[in-house]
Structure formats: structure tokens, C-alpha cells
């Protein structure tokens, strides 16, 4: 009995071990049969058995292919975006340079044309290199000084109008008291009717025109120019425009606010010229000689 049982167990083990090989052989046989031209029952059974596996692996393969293609496309798109951003940045930089060059060219052309209109025998262009911090003495420092023929009392102007007056010099630099400084006062006139007044600076608030009688005709928008009486500025230099006119019950003068012709916050360059008095003295000196 024991021997029979042991033999049965051995046979069962051998049969069980051979099952995978039998299955593989059947699968291979069905695969070979399915490759035939005629479709019979074995072929149909094989297709039904193999089809799901083929569809599964085909789907995985297609999915992996799409993932790979999407990844490569994203890499290419990222590189393309990076290149486009770099190109746009370069073009923007070039546009900024061209715009700045155009602005500088336009400003230079205006200044050159204005310089040709100056009647003073001496005029020199100067660049603002520093600004004072005092409210009462609002000043700027320019890069021209005694070595360039600049002396105290000379006036600073631009193509827009009056800028100020030189109050201090050194060999290579000069300090300009701005016309809108509270300590500044300029003889001026209303251009349309020659009404006289004194223009006082108010810093960032522009000017106030003083000592104009109430019965004088002054309106918003009227041009204010230099009077040329004090011997500093010649007659007719623009100073600003009337921005407000108020008539109070008390007092005999108008309250007149004037907007400066020069943008003192943005001005970068100016011209330094001799005063009317200096020009007259030079002419008299020549005549005496």
C-alpha cells in the first residue's frame, strides 16, 4: 500500500510539473493555427484568447509612445519659449535704445536751434550733475565752471525758458539758483499788455506774480516773460503761463499763480549766458579801447 501511494504521489508531481509545458505547447499550437488563412473554430478560440492580451499590451505600448512624444514636445516647447523670451528681451532692449536715441536726438536738435538764436557772444551748454536739498535755496550743480568762462551772476536758460542764475563757481563746476526757489525774484511782464510785476518762486508750486493791480487785465493762460529791466535777463524770455487769478475784496493787488515754462524736476541740460549788464559792459569796454 505504501509503495502504491508513493507511486501515485510521484505521478501527480510529474503531471503537475508538466502542466505549464502543456499549456505553453497548446498556446503555441493555437497561435500557429491562428496564422492560417481559413478561420475555423480553433482560430476563433485562439483570437478570443490572444486578443485581449494583444489589446492590453498594444494599449500600453501606445500610451508609452504618447507619453514619450508629449514629453519630447514639452521639452521642445520649453526650449522654444526660452529662445522666444530671450529674443523678445533683446528686441525690447533694442527698442528702448532706439527710443532713447530718438529722444536725445530730438532734444539735441532743439537745443542746437535754440543756441543759434542766442544773441549773447558767450554761451555754453551745461549738464546738471547734482541738486541741492534746501527748500529756500533750491539749486542745481552743473559741470561748467571758471575754466569754461562761467562767472557769478550769469543766467541759466533752456529752450523752454528761464532756469535761474549762477550764484557760485569753482574751476570746473557752478551752482545755479533756480528761478522757482522761494528766495528768487524776477522782474516780468504779462506779454499781451505789458503789465509789470515781480515773480516770486514757490518751489514745487511754481510762481506767484505779485504787485499786479486789480484793474489790470490778466487772464488764465496769459504768457509771462522777462521784463529786461534789472539788467539780468533780456526782454522776452519765457517764464510761464498764468494758471489762476483771484480777486479778493481786501487789498489792491491780484493773486496770480503762474505755472513754470521749465519742468524743474526733469530738466537735464541748460545754457549759461552772460547777463544784459555784462554784455553792455563788454561793449562799452570795447568802445573805450
C-alpha atoms as a PDB file:
ATOM      1  CA  UNK A   1       0.000   0.000   0.000  1.00  0.00           C
ATOM      2  CA  UNK A   2       2.721   2.394   0.940  1.00  0.00           C
ATOM      3  CA  UNK A   3       4.513   1.777  -2.328  1.00  0.00           C
ATOM      4  CA  UNK A   4       1.327   2.344  -4.380  1.00  0.00           C
ATOM      5  CA  UNK A   5       0.635   5.601  -2.586  1.00  0.00           C
ATOM      6  CA  UNK A   6       4.178   6.832  -3.133  1.00  0.00           C
ATOM      7  CA  UNK A   7       3.966   5.958  -6.825  1.00  0.00           C
ATOM      8  CA  UNK A   8       0.692   7.877  -7.168  1.00  0.00           C
ATOM      9  CA  UNK A   9       2.229  10.899  -5.495  1.00  0.00           C
ATOM     10  CA  UNK A  10       5.234  10.773  -7.825  1.00  0.00           C
ATOM     11  CA  UNK A  11       2.970  10.598 -10.868  1.00  0.00           C
ATOM     12  CA  UNK A  12       0.874  13.523  -9.605  1.00  0.00           C
ATOM     13  CA  UNK A  13       4.009  15.610  -9.028  1.00  0.00           C
ATOM     14  CA  UNK A  14       5.315  14.845 -12.521  1.00  0.00           C
ATOM     15  CA  UNK A  15       1.923  15.621 -14.077  1.00  0.00           C
ATOM     16  CA  UNK A  16       1.673  18.915 -12.157  1.00  0.00           C
ATOM     17  CA  UNK A  17       5.191  19.918 -13.198  1.00  0.00           C
ATOM     18  CA  UNK A  18       4.402  19.249 -16.818  1.00  0.00           C
ATOM     19  CA  UNK A  19       1.177  21.316 -16.889  1.00  0.00           C
ATOM     20  CA  UNK A  20       2.927  24.669 -17.718  1.00  0.00           C
ATOM     21  CA  UNK A  21       4.737  22.999 -20.560  1.00  0.00           C
ATOM     22  CA  UNK A  22       1.453  21.527 -21.846  1.00  0.00           C
ATOM     23  CA  UNK A  23      -0.211  24.927 -21.617  1.00  0.00           C
ATOM     24  CA  UNK A  24       2.654  26.589 -23.474  1.00  0.00           C
ATOM     25  CA  UNK A  25       2.548  23.926 -26.162  1.00  0.00           C
ATOM     26  CA  UNK A  26      -1.217  24.345 -26.586  1.00  0.00           C
ATOM     27  CA  UNK A  27      -0.872  28.131 -26.692  1.00  0.00           C
ATOM     28  CA  UNK A  28       1.862  27.860 -29.323  1.00  0.00           C
ATOM     29  CA  UNK A  29      -0.184  25.400 -31.325  1.00  0.00           C
ATOM     30  CA  UNK A  30      -3.237  27.660 -31.232  1.00  0.00           C
ATOM     31  CA  UNK A  31      -1.044  30.606 -32.260  1.00  0.00           C
ATOM     32  CA  UNK A  32       0.322  28.670 -35.214  1.00  0.00           C
ATOM     33  CA  UNK A  33      -3.159  27.560 -36.201  1.00  0.00           C
ATOM     34  CA  UNK A  34      -4.463  31.097 -35.983  1.00  0.00           C
ATOM     35  CA  UNK A  35      -1.948  32.198 -38.599  1.00  0.00           C
ATOM     36  CA  UNK A  36      -3.691  30.117 -41.230  1.00  0.00           C
ATOM     37  CA  UNK A  37      -5.775  31.656 -43.958  1.00  0.00           C
ATOM     38  CA  UNK A  38      -9.052  29.890 -43.115  1.00  0.00           C
ATOM     39  CA  UNK A  39     -10.746  30.854 -39.869  1.00  0.00           C
ATOM     40  CA  UNK A  40     -12.179  27.896 -38.083  1.00  0.00           C
ATOM     41  CA  UNK A  41     -13.214  27.129 -34.580  1.00  0.00           C
ATOM     42  CA  UNK A  42      -9.608  26.746 -33.292  1.00  0.00           C
ATOM     43  CA  UNK A  43      -8.608  30.033 -34.901  1.00  0.00           C
ATOM     44  CA  UNK A  44     -11.578  31.824 -33.403  1.00  0.00           C
ATOM     45  CA  UNK A  45     -10.823  30.369 -29.981  1.00  0.00           C
ATOM     46  CA  UNK A  46      -7.204  31.474 -30.319  1.00  0.00           C
ATOM     47  CA  UNK A  47      -8.173  35.003 -31.339  1.00  0.00           C
ATOM     48  CA  UNK A  48     -10.601  35.236 -28.440  1.00  0.00           C
ATOM     49  CA  UNK A  49      -7.841  34.059 -26.105  1.00  0.00           C
ATOM     50  CA  UNK A  50      -4.977  36.097 -27.545  1.00  0.00           C
ATOM     51  CA  UNK A  51      -6.975  39.240 -28.498  1.00  0.00           C
ATOM     52  CA  UNK A  52      -7.383  40.707 -25.019  1.00  0.00           C
ATOM     53  CA  UNK A  53      -3.683  40.249 -24.272  1.00  0.00           C
ATOM     54  CA  UNK A  54      -2.685  41.861 -27.573  1.00  0.00           C
ATOM     55  CA  UNK A  55      -5.115  44.743 -26.997  1.00  0.00           C
ATOM     56  CA  UNK A  56      -3.788  45.246 -23.465  1.00  0.00           C
ATOM     57  CA  UNK A  57      -0.127  45.295 -24.483  1.00  0.00           C
ATOM     58  CA  UNK A  58      -0.912  47.370 -27.587  1.00  0.00           C
ATOM     59  CA  UNK A  59      -2.661  49.949 -25.384  1.00  0.00           C
ATOM     60  CA  UNK A  60       0.310  50.072 -23.014  1.00  0.00           C
ATOM     61  CA  UNK A  61       2.695  50.479 -25.943  1.00  0.00           C
ATOM     62  CA  UNK A  62       0.568  53.260 -27.485  1.00  0.00           C
ATOM     63  CA  UNK A  63       0.276  55.001 -24.126  1.00  0.00           C
ATOM     64  CA  UNK A  64       4.022  54.874 -23.564  1.00  0.00           C
ATOM     65  CA  UNK A  65       4.585  56.203 -27.073  1.00  0.00           C
ATOM     66  CA  UNK A  66       2.192  59.108 -26.475  1.00  0.00           C
ATOM     67  CA  UNK A  67       3.823  59.886 -23.124  1.00  0.00           C
ATOM     68  CA  UNK A  68       7.241  59.924 -24.793  1.00  0.00           C
ATOM     69  CA  UNK A  69       6.003  62.128 -27.642  1.00  0.00           C
ATOM     70  CA  UNK A  70       4.278  64.517 -25.199  1.00  0.00           C
ATOM     71  CA  UNK A  71       7.429  64.734 -23.082  1.00  0.00           C
ATOM     72  CA  UNK A  72       9.610  65.455 -26.109  1.00  0.00           C
ATOM     73  CA  UNK A  73       7.071  68.015 -27.338  1.00  0.00           C
ATOM     74  CA  UNK A  74       7.062  69.723 -23.921  1.00  0.00           C
ATOM     75  CA  UNK A  75      10.864  69.792 -23.893  1.00  0.00           C
ATOM     76  CA  UNK A  76      10.912  71.332 -27.374  1.00  0.00           C
ATOM     77  CA  UNK A  77       8.181  73.820 -26.414  1.00  0.00           C
ATOM     78  CA  UNK A  78      10.044  74.843 -23.252  1.00  0.00           C
ATOM     79  CA  UNK A  79      13.236  75.392 -25.229  1.00  0.00           C
ATOM     80  CA  UNK A  80      11.329  77.318 -27.895  1.00  0.00           C
ATOM     81  CA  UNK A  81       9.664  79.518 -25.254  1.00  0.00           C
ATOM     82  CA  UNK A  82      13.032  80.157 -23.664  1.00  0.00           C
ATOM     83  CA  UNK A  83      14.508  81.189 -27.004  1.00  0.00           C
ATOM     84  CA  UNK A  84      11.487  83.394 -27.806  1.00  0.00           C
ATOM     85  CA  UNK A  85      11.689  85.117 -24.408  1.00  0.00           C
ATOM     86  CA  UNK A  86      15.380  85.794 -24.958  1.00  0.00           C
ATOM     87  CA  UNK A  87      14.666  87.154 -28.441  1.00  0.00           C
ATOM     88  CA  UNK A  88      11.831  89.367 -27.144  1.00  0.00           C
ATOM     89  CA  UNK A  89      14.069  90.699 -24.358  1.00  0.00           C
ATOM     90  CA  UNK A  90      16.770  91.573 -26.896  1.00  0.00           C
ATOM     91  CA  UNK A  91      14.274  93.306 -29.178  1.00  0.00           C
ATOM     92  CA  UNK A  92      12.763  95.246 -26.264  1.00  0.00           C
ATOM     93  CA  UNK A  93      16.240  96.383 -25.262  1.00  0.00           C
ATOM     94  CA  UNK A  94      16.931  97.470 -28.825  1.00  0.00           C
ATOM     95  CA  UNK A  95      13.606  99.362 -28.959  1.00  0.00           C
ATOM     96  CA  UNK A  96      14.411 101.140 -25.683  1.00  0.00           C
ATOM     97  CA  UNK A  97      17.830 102.157 -27.023  1.00  0.00           C
ATOM     98  CA  UNK A  98      16.308 103.408 -30.272  1.00  0.00           C
ATOM     99  CA  UNK A  99      13.625 105.362 -28.414  1.00  0.00           C
ATOM    100  CA  UNK A 100      16.208 106.896 -26.085  1.00  0.00           C
ATOM    101  CA  UNK A 101      18.397 107.760 -29.074  1.00  0.00           C
ATOM    102  CA  UNK A 102      15.455 109.402 -30.831  1.00  0.00           C
ATOM    103  CA  UNK A 103      14.568 111.440 -27.732  1.00  0.00           C
ATOM    104  CA  UNK A 104      18.172 112.557 -27.261  1.00  0.00           C
ATOM    105  CA  UNK A 105      18.445 113.450 -30.937  1.00  0.00           C
ATOM    106  CA  UNK A 106      15.236 115.497 -30.780  1.00  0.00           C
ATOM    107  CA  UNK A 107      16.380 117.292 -27.632  1.00  0.00           C
ATOM    108  CA  UNK A 108      19.810 117.973 -29.117  1.00  0.00           C
ATOM    109  CA  UNK A 109      18.247 119.376 -32.278  1.00  0.00           C
ATOM    110  CA  UNK A 110      16.012 121.704 -30.242  1.00  0.00           C
ATOM    111  CA  UNK A 111      18.929 122.851 -28.115  1.00  0.00           C
ATOM    112  CA  UNK A 112      21.102 123.416 -31.178  1.00  0.00           C
ATOM    113  CA  UNK A 113      18.428 125.511 -32.867  1.00  0.00           C
ATOM    114  CA  UNK A 114      17.888 127.443 -29.633  1.00  0.00           C
ATOM    115  CA  UNK A 115      21.624 128.093 -29.248  1.00  0.00           C
ATOM    116  CA  UNK A 116      21.681 129.626 -32.717  1.00  0.00           C
ATOM    117  CA  UNK A 117      19.054 132.144 -31.608  1.00  0.00           C
ATOM    118  CA  UNK A 118      21.065 133.348 -28.604  1.00  0.00           C
ATOM    119  CA  UNK A 119      22.348 136.860 -29.126  1.00  0.00           C
ATOM    120  CA  UNK A 120      24.947 136.664 -26.379  1.00  0.00           C
ATOM    121  CA  UNK A 121      28.506 136.483 -27.602  1.00  0.00           C
ATOM    122  CA  UNK A 122      29.158 133.926 -24.901  1.00  0.00           C
ATOM    123  CA  UNK A 123      27.022 130.859 -24.262  1.00  0.00           C
ATOM    124  CA  UNK A 124      27.939 127.384 -23.118  1.00  0.00           C
ATOM    125  CA  UNK A 125      25.846 124.286 -22.635  1.00  0.00           C
ATOM    126  CA  UNK A 126      25.994 122.545 -19.266  1.00  0.00           C
ATOM    127  CA  UNK A 127      24.731 119.318 -17.779  1.00  0.00           C
ATOM    128  CA  UNK A 128      23.101 119.116 -14.359  1.00  0.00           C
ATOM    129  CA  UNK A 129      25.143 116.788 -12.146  1.00  0.00           C
ATOM    130  CA  UNK A 130      23.647 117.469  -8.714  1.00  0.00           C
ATOM    131  CA  UNK A 131      20.721 119.030  -6.863  1.00  0.00           C
ATOM    132  CA  UNK A 132      20.574 120.960  -3.598  1.00  0.00           C
ATOM    133  CA  UNK A 133      18.309 119.833  -0.738  1.00  0.00           C
ATOM    134  CA  UNK A 134      17.409 123.228   0.732  1.00  0.00           C
ATOM    135  CA  UNK A 135      13.822 124.432   0.203  1.00  0.00           C
ATOM    136  CA  UNK A 136      14.668 128.137   0.456  1.00  0.00           C
ATOM    137  CA  UNK A 137      17.724 127.901  -1.804  1.00  0.00           C
ATOM    138  CA  UNK A 138      16.690 125.428  -4.471  1.00  0.00           C
ATOM    139  CA  UNK A 139      19.824 124.905  -6.524  1.00  0.00           C
ATOM    140  CA  UNK A 140      21.461 122.605  -9.061  1.00  0.00           C
ATOM    141  CA  UNK A 141      25.134 121.913  -9.792  1.00  0.00           C
ATOM    142  CA  UNK A 142      26.313 121.989 -13.413  1.00  0.00           C
ATOM    143  CA  UNK A 143      29.517 120.652 -14.972  1.00  0.00           C
ATOM    144  CA  UNK A 144      30.828 124.040 -16.148  1.00  0.00           C
ATOM    145  CA  UNK A 145      32.940 126.426 -14.122  1.00  0.00           C
ATOM    146  CA  UNK A 146      35.526 129.165 -14.175  1.00  0.00           C
ATOM    147  CA  UNK A 147      37.739 127.239 -16.595  1.00  0.00           C
ATOM    148  CA  UNK A 148      34.862 127.435 -19.084  1.00  0.00           C
ATOM    149  CA  UNK A 149      34.387 131.185 -18.614  1.00  0.00           C
ATOM    150  CA  UNK A 150      31.454 130.898 -16.214  1.00  0.00           C
ATOM    151  CA  UNK A 151      31.204 133.663 -13.601  1.00  0.00           C
ATOM    152  CA  UNK A 152      28.781 134.563 -10.828  1.00  0.00           C
ATOM    153  CA  UNK A 153      25.718 136.477 -11.978  1.00  0.00           C
ATOM    154  CA  UNK A 154      25.424 134.781 -15.379  1.00  0.00           C
ATOM    155  CA  UNK A 155      21.988 133.412 -16.207  1.00  0.00           C
ATOM    156  CA  UNK A 156      20.863 129.871 -16.945  1.00  0.00           C
ATOM    157  CA  UNK A 157      18.211 129.318 -19.603  1.00  0.00           C
ATOM    158  CA  UNK A 158      16.834 126.499 -21.731  1.00  0.00           C
ATOM    159  CA  UNK A 159      14.847 126.263 -24.925  1.00  0.00           C
ATOM    160  CA  UNK A 160      11.702 126.247 -22.718  1.00  0.00           C
ATOM    161  CA  UNK A 161      12.511 129.381 -20.737  1.00  0.00           C
ATOM    162  CA  UNK A 162      14.284 130.840 -17.696  1.00  0.00           C
ATOM    163  CA  UNK A 163      16.066 128.310 -15.432  1.00  0.00           C
ATOM    164  CA  UNK A 164      17.921 130.521 -12.929  1.00  0.00           C
ATOM    165  CA  UNK A 165      21.125 132.400 -12.174  1.00  0.00           C
ATOM    166  CA  UNK A 166      24.710 131.427 -11.299  1.00  0.00           C
ATOM    167  CA  UNK A 167      25.390 132.193  -7.618  1.00  0.00           C
ATOM    168  CA  UNK A 168      28.667 130.325  -7.027  1.00  0.00           C
ATOM    169  CA  UNK A 169      31.522 128.955  -9.144  1.00  0.00           C
ATOM    170  CA  UNK A 170      34.570 126.728  -8.881  1.00  0.00           C
ATOM    171  CA  UNK A 171      37.166 125.856 -11.542  1.00  0.00           C
ATOM    172  CA  UNK A 172      35.024 123.090 -13.064  1.00  0.00           C
ATOM    173  CA  UNK A 173      31.530 123.467 -11.597  1.00  0.00           C
ATOM    174  CA  UNK A 174      28.904 126.123 -10.887  1.00  0.00           C
ATOM    175  CA  UNK A 175      25.824 126.400  -8.663  1.00  0.00           C
ATOM    176  CA  UNK A 176      22.572 127.675 -10.159  1.00  0.00           C
ATOM    177  CA  UNK A 177      19.799 129.232  -8.068  1.00  0.00           C
ATOM    178  CA  UNK A 178      16.596 128.009  -9.716  1.00  0.00           C
ATOM    179  CA  UNK A 179      14.003 130.591 -10.714  1.00  0.00           C
ATOM    180  CA  UNK A 180      11.280 128.805  -8.711  1.00  0.00           C
ATOM    181  CA  UNK A 181      13.261 128.987  -5.440  1.00  0.00           C
ATOM    182  CA  UNK A 182      11.463 130.977  -2.697  1.00  0.00           C
ATOM    183  CA  UNK A 183      14.494 133.271  -2.466  1.00  0.00           C
ATOM    184  CA  UNK A 184      14.273 134.131  -6.179  1.00  0.00           C
ATOM    185  CA  UNK A 185      12.558 137.234  -7.606  1.00  0.00           C
ATOM    186  CA  UNK A 186      12.362 138.197 -11.289  1.00  0.00           C
ATOM    187  CA  UNK A 187      11.057 141.358 -12.978  1.00  0.00           C
ATOM    188  CA  UNK A 188       8.471 140.246 -15.512  1.00  0.00           C
ATOM    189  CA  UNK A 189       5.567 141.385 -17.676  1.00  0.00           C
ATOM    190  CA  UNK A 190       2.312 139.959 -19.000  1.00  0.00           C
ATOM    191  CA  UNK A 191       3.253 139.595 -22.646  1.00  0.00           C
ATOM    192  CA  UNK A 192      -0.107 140.600 -24.190  1.00  0.00           C
ATOM    193  CA  UNK A 193      -0.445 144.004 -22.484  1.00  0.00           C
ATOM    194  CA  UNK A 194       2.994 144.622 -20.882  1.00  0.00           C
ATOM    195  CA  UNK A 195       1.585 144.679 -17.325  1.00  0.00           C
ATOM    196  CA  UNK A 196       4.536 144.586 -14.940  1.00  0.00           C
ATOM    197  CA  UNK A 197       5.014 142.548 -11.791  1.00  0.00           C
ATOM    198  CA  UNK A 198       7.510 140.672  -9.647  1.00  0.00           C
ATOM    199  CA  UNK A 199       7.618 136.890  -9.981  1.00  0.00           C
ATOM    200  CA  UNK A 200       8.389 135.043  -6.738  1.00  0.00           C
ATOM    201  CA  UNK A 201       9.305 131.383  -6.591  1.00  0.00           C
ATOM    202  CA  UNK A 202       7.234 128.872  -4.619  1.00  0.00           C
ATOM    203  CA  UNK A 203       9.267 125.723  -5.101  1.00  0.00           C
ATOM    204  CA  UNK A 204       7.223 122.814  -6.452  1.00  0.00           C
ATOM    205  CA  UNK A 205       4.150 125.094  -6.544  1.00  0.00           C
ATOM    206  CA  UNK A 206       5.643 127.206  -9.322  1.00  0.00           C
ATOM    207  CA  UNK A 207       5.451 131.014  -9.088  1.00  0.00           C
ATOM    208  CA  UNK A 208       3.261 133.758  -7.733  1.00  0.00           C
ATOM    209  CA  UNK A 209       3.030 137.040  -9.641  1.00  0.00           C
ATOM    210  CA  UNK A 210       2.951 139.981  -7.224  1.00  0.00           C
ATOM    211  CA  UNK A 211       2.108 143.700  -7.381  1.00  0.00           C
ATOM    212  CA  UNK A 212      -0.387 143.494 -10.263  1.00  0.00           C
ATOM    213  CA  UNK A 213      -3.333 145.850  -9.730  1.00  0.00           C
ATOM    214  CA  UNK A 214      -6.909 144.561  -9.656  1.00  0.00           C
ATOM    215  CA  UNK A 215      -7.954 146.674 -12.638  1.00  0.00           C
ATOM    216  CA  UNK A 216      -5.232 145.111 -14.830  1.00  0.00           C
ATOM    217  CA  UNK A 217      -6.374 142.632 -17.445  1.00  0.00           C
ATOM    218  CA  UNK A 218      -4.756 139.297 -16.548  1.00  0.00           C
ATOM    219  CA  UNK A 219      -6.383 136.003 -17.526  1.00  0.00           C
ATOM    220  CA  UNK A 220      -5.612 132.305 -17.121  1.00  0.00           C
ATOM    221  CA  UNK A 221      -3.364 131.219 -19.989  1.00  0.00           C
ATOM    222  CA  UNK A 222      -1.568 134.564 -20.401  1.00  0.00           C
ATOM    223  CA  UNK A 223       2.170 134.269 -21.095  1.00  0.00           C
ATOM    224  CA  UNK A 224       4.605 135.727 -18.570  1.00  0.00           C
ATOM    225  CA  UNK A 225       8.035 136.811 -19.866  1.00  0.00           C
ATOM    226  CA  UNK A 226      11.079 138.625 -18.505  1.00  0.00           C
ATOM    227  CA  UNK A 227      10.889 142.415 -18.439  1.00  0.00           C
ATOM    228  CA  UNK A 228      14.588 143.065 -19.107  1.00  0.00           C
ATOM    229  CA  UNK A 229      14.710 145.961 -16.618  1.00  0.00           C
ATOM    230  CA  UNK A 230      17.117 144.687 -13.972  1.00  0.00           C
ATOM    231  CA  UNK A 231      19.885 144.062 -16.474  1.00  0.00           C
ATOM    232  CA  UNK A 232      19.956 140.302 -15.790  1.00  0.00           C
ATOM    233  CA  UNK A 233      17.572 138.666 -18.268  1.00  0.00           C
ATOM    234  CA  UNK A 234      16.936 140.200 -21.639  1.00  0.00           C
ATOM    235  CA  UNK A 235      13.359 141.124 -22.510  1.00  0.00           C
ATOM    236  CA  UNK A 236      11.018 138.410 -23.681  1.00  0.00           C
ATOM    237  CA  UNK A 237      12.435 135.195 -22.182  1.00  0.00           C
ATOM    238  CA  UNK A 238       9.519 132.853 -21.365  1.00  0.00           C
ATOM    239  CA  UNK A 239       8.915 132.233 -17.661  1.00  0.00           C
ATOM    240  CA  UNK A 240       5.498 130.598 -17.526  1.00  0.00           C
ATOM    241  CA  UNK A 241       1.734 130.855 -18.010  1.00  0.00           C
ATOM    242  CA  UNK A 242      -0.946 132.198 -15.682  1.00  0.00           C
ATOM    243  CA  UNK A 243      -2.697 129.242 -14.066  1.00  0.00           C
ATOM    244  CA  UNK A 244      -5.013 131.032 -11.605  1.00  0.00           C
ATOM    245  CA  UNK A 245      -6.266 134.592 -10.964  1.00  0.00           C
ATOM    246  CA  UNK A 246      -8.083 135.574  -7.756  1.00  0.00           C
ATOM    247  CA  UNK A 247      -9.598 138.940  -6.846  1.00  0.00           C
ATOM    248  CA  UNK A 248     -10.101 139.372  -3.097  1.00  0.00           C
ATOM    249  CA  UNK A 249     -12.262 142.054  -1.531  1.00  0.00           C
ATOM    250  CA  UNK A 250      -9.429 143.450   0.514  1.00  0.00           C
ATOM    251  CA  UNK A 251      -6.194 144.698  -0.927  1.00  0.00           C
ATOM    252  CA  UNK A 252      -5.343 146.412  -4.187  1.00  0.00           C
ATOM    253  CA  UNK A 253      -3.445 143.592  -5.917  1.00  0.00           C
ATOM    254  CA  UNK A 254      -4.482 140.412  -7.687  1.00  0.00           C
ATOM    255  CA  UNK A 255      -3.392 136.971  -6.508  1.00  0.00           C
ATOM    256  CA  UNK A 256      -1.887 135.355  -9.574  1.00  0.00           C
ATOM    257  CA  UNK A 257      -0.400 131.870  -9.800  1.00  0.00           C
ATOM    258  CA  UNK A 258       1.975 131.018 -12.650  1.00  0.00           C
ATOM    259  CA  UNK A 259       2.927 127.600 -13.957  1.00  0.00           C
ATOM    260  CA  UNK A 260       6.649 127.472 -14.913  1.00  0.00           C
ATOM    261  CA  UNK A 261       7.586 127.054 -18.556  1.00  0.00           C
ATOM    262  CA  UNK A 262      10.505 124.862 -17.433  1.00  0.00           C
ATOM    263  CA  UNK A 263       9.971 121.466 -15.822  1.00  0.00           C
ATOM    264  CA  UNK A 264      12.491 121.853 -12.992  1.00  0.00           C
ATOM    265  CA  UNK A 265      12.130 118.215 -11.938  1.00  0.00           C
ATOM    266  CA  UNK A 266      13.052 116.813 -15.352  1.00  0.00           C
ATOM    267  CA  UNK A 267      15.480 119.319 -16.809  1.00  0.00           C
ATOM    268  CA  UNK A 268      18.871 117.729 -17.546  1.00  0.00           C
ATOM    269  CA  UNK A 269      20.792 120.326 -19.550  1.00  0.00           C
ATOM    270  CA  UNK A 270      20.796 124.111 -19.843  1.00  0.00           C
ATOM    271  CA  UNK A 271      22.660 127.034 -21.380  1.00  0.00           C
ATOM    272  CA  UNK A 272      24.717 129.576 -19.443  1.00  0.00           C
ATOM    273  CA  UNK A 273      24.830 133.035 -20.992  1.00  0.00           C
ATOM    274  CA  UNK A 274      26.019 136.460 -19.969  1.00  0.00           C
ATOM    275  CA  UNK A 275      23.558 138.953 -18.468  1.00  0.00           C
ATOM    276  CA  UNK A 276      22.381 142.068 -20.283  1.00  0.00           C
ATOM    277  CA  UNK A 277      24.523 144.184 -17.962  1.00  0.00           C
ATOM    278  CA  UNK A 278      27.633 142.072 -18.666  1.00  0.00           C
ATOM    279  CA  UNK A 279      27.098 142.368 -22.407  1.00  0.00           C
ATOM    280  CA  UNK A 280      26.689 146.145 -22.135  1.00  0.00           C
ATOM    281  CA  UNK A 281      29.846 146.469 -20.042  1.00  0.00           C
ATOM    282  CA  UNK A 282      31.807 144.440 -22.567  1.00  0.00           C
ATOM    283  CA  UNK A 283      30.539 146.584 -25.430  1.00  0.00           C
ATOM    284  CA  UNK A 284      31.425 149.757 -23.518  1.00  0.00           C
ATOM    285  CA  UNK A 285      34.895 148.380 -22.807  1.00  0.00           C
ATOM    286  CA  UNK A 286      35.440 147.721 -26.481  1.00  0.00           C
ATOM    287  CA  UNK A 287      34.315 151.212 -27.428  1.00  0.00           C
ATOM    288  CA  UNK A 288      36.705 152.752 -24.863  1.00  0.00           C
ATOM    289  CA  UNK A 289      39.561 150.703 -26.224  1.00  0.00           C
END
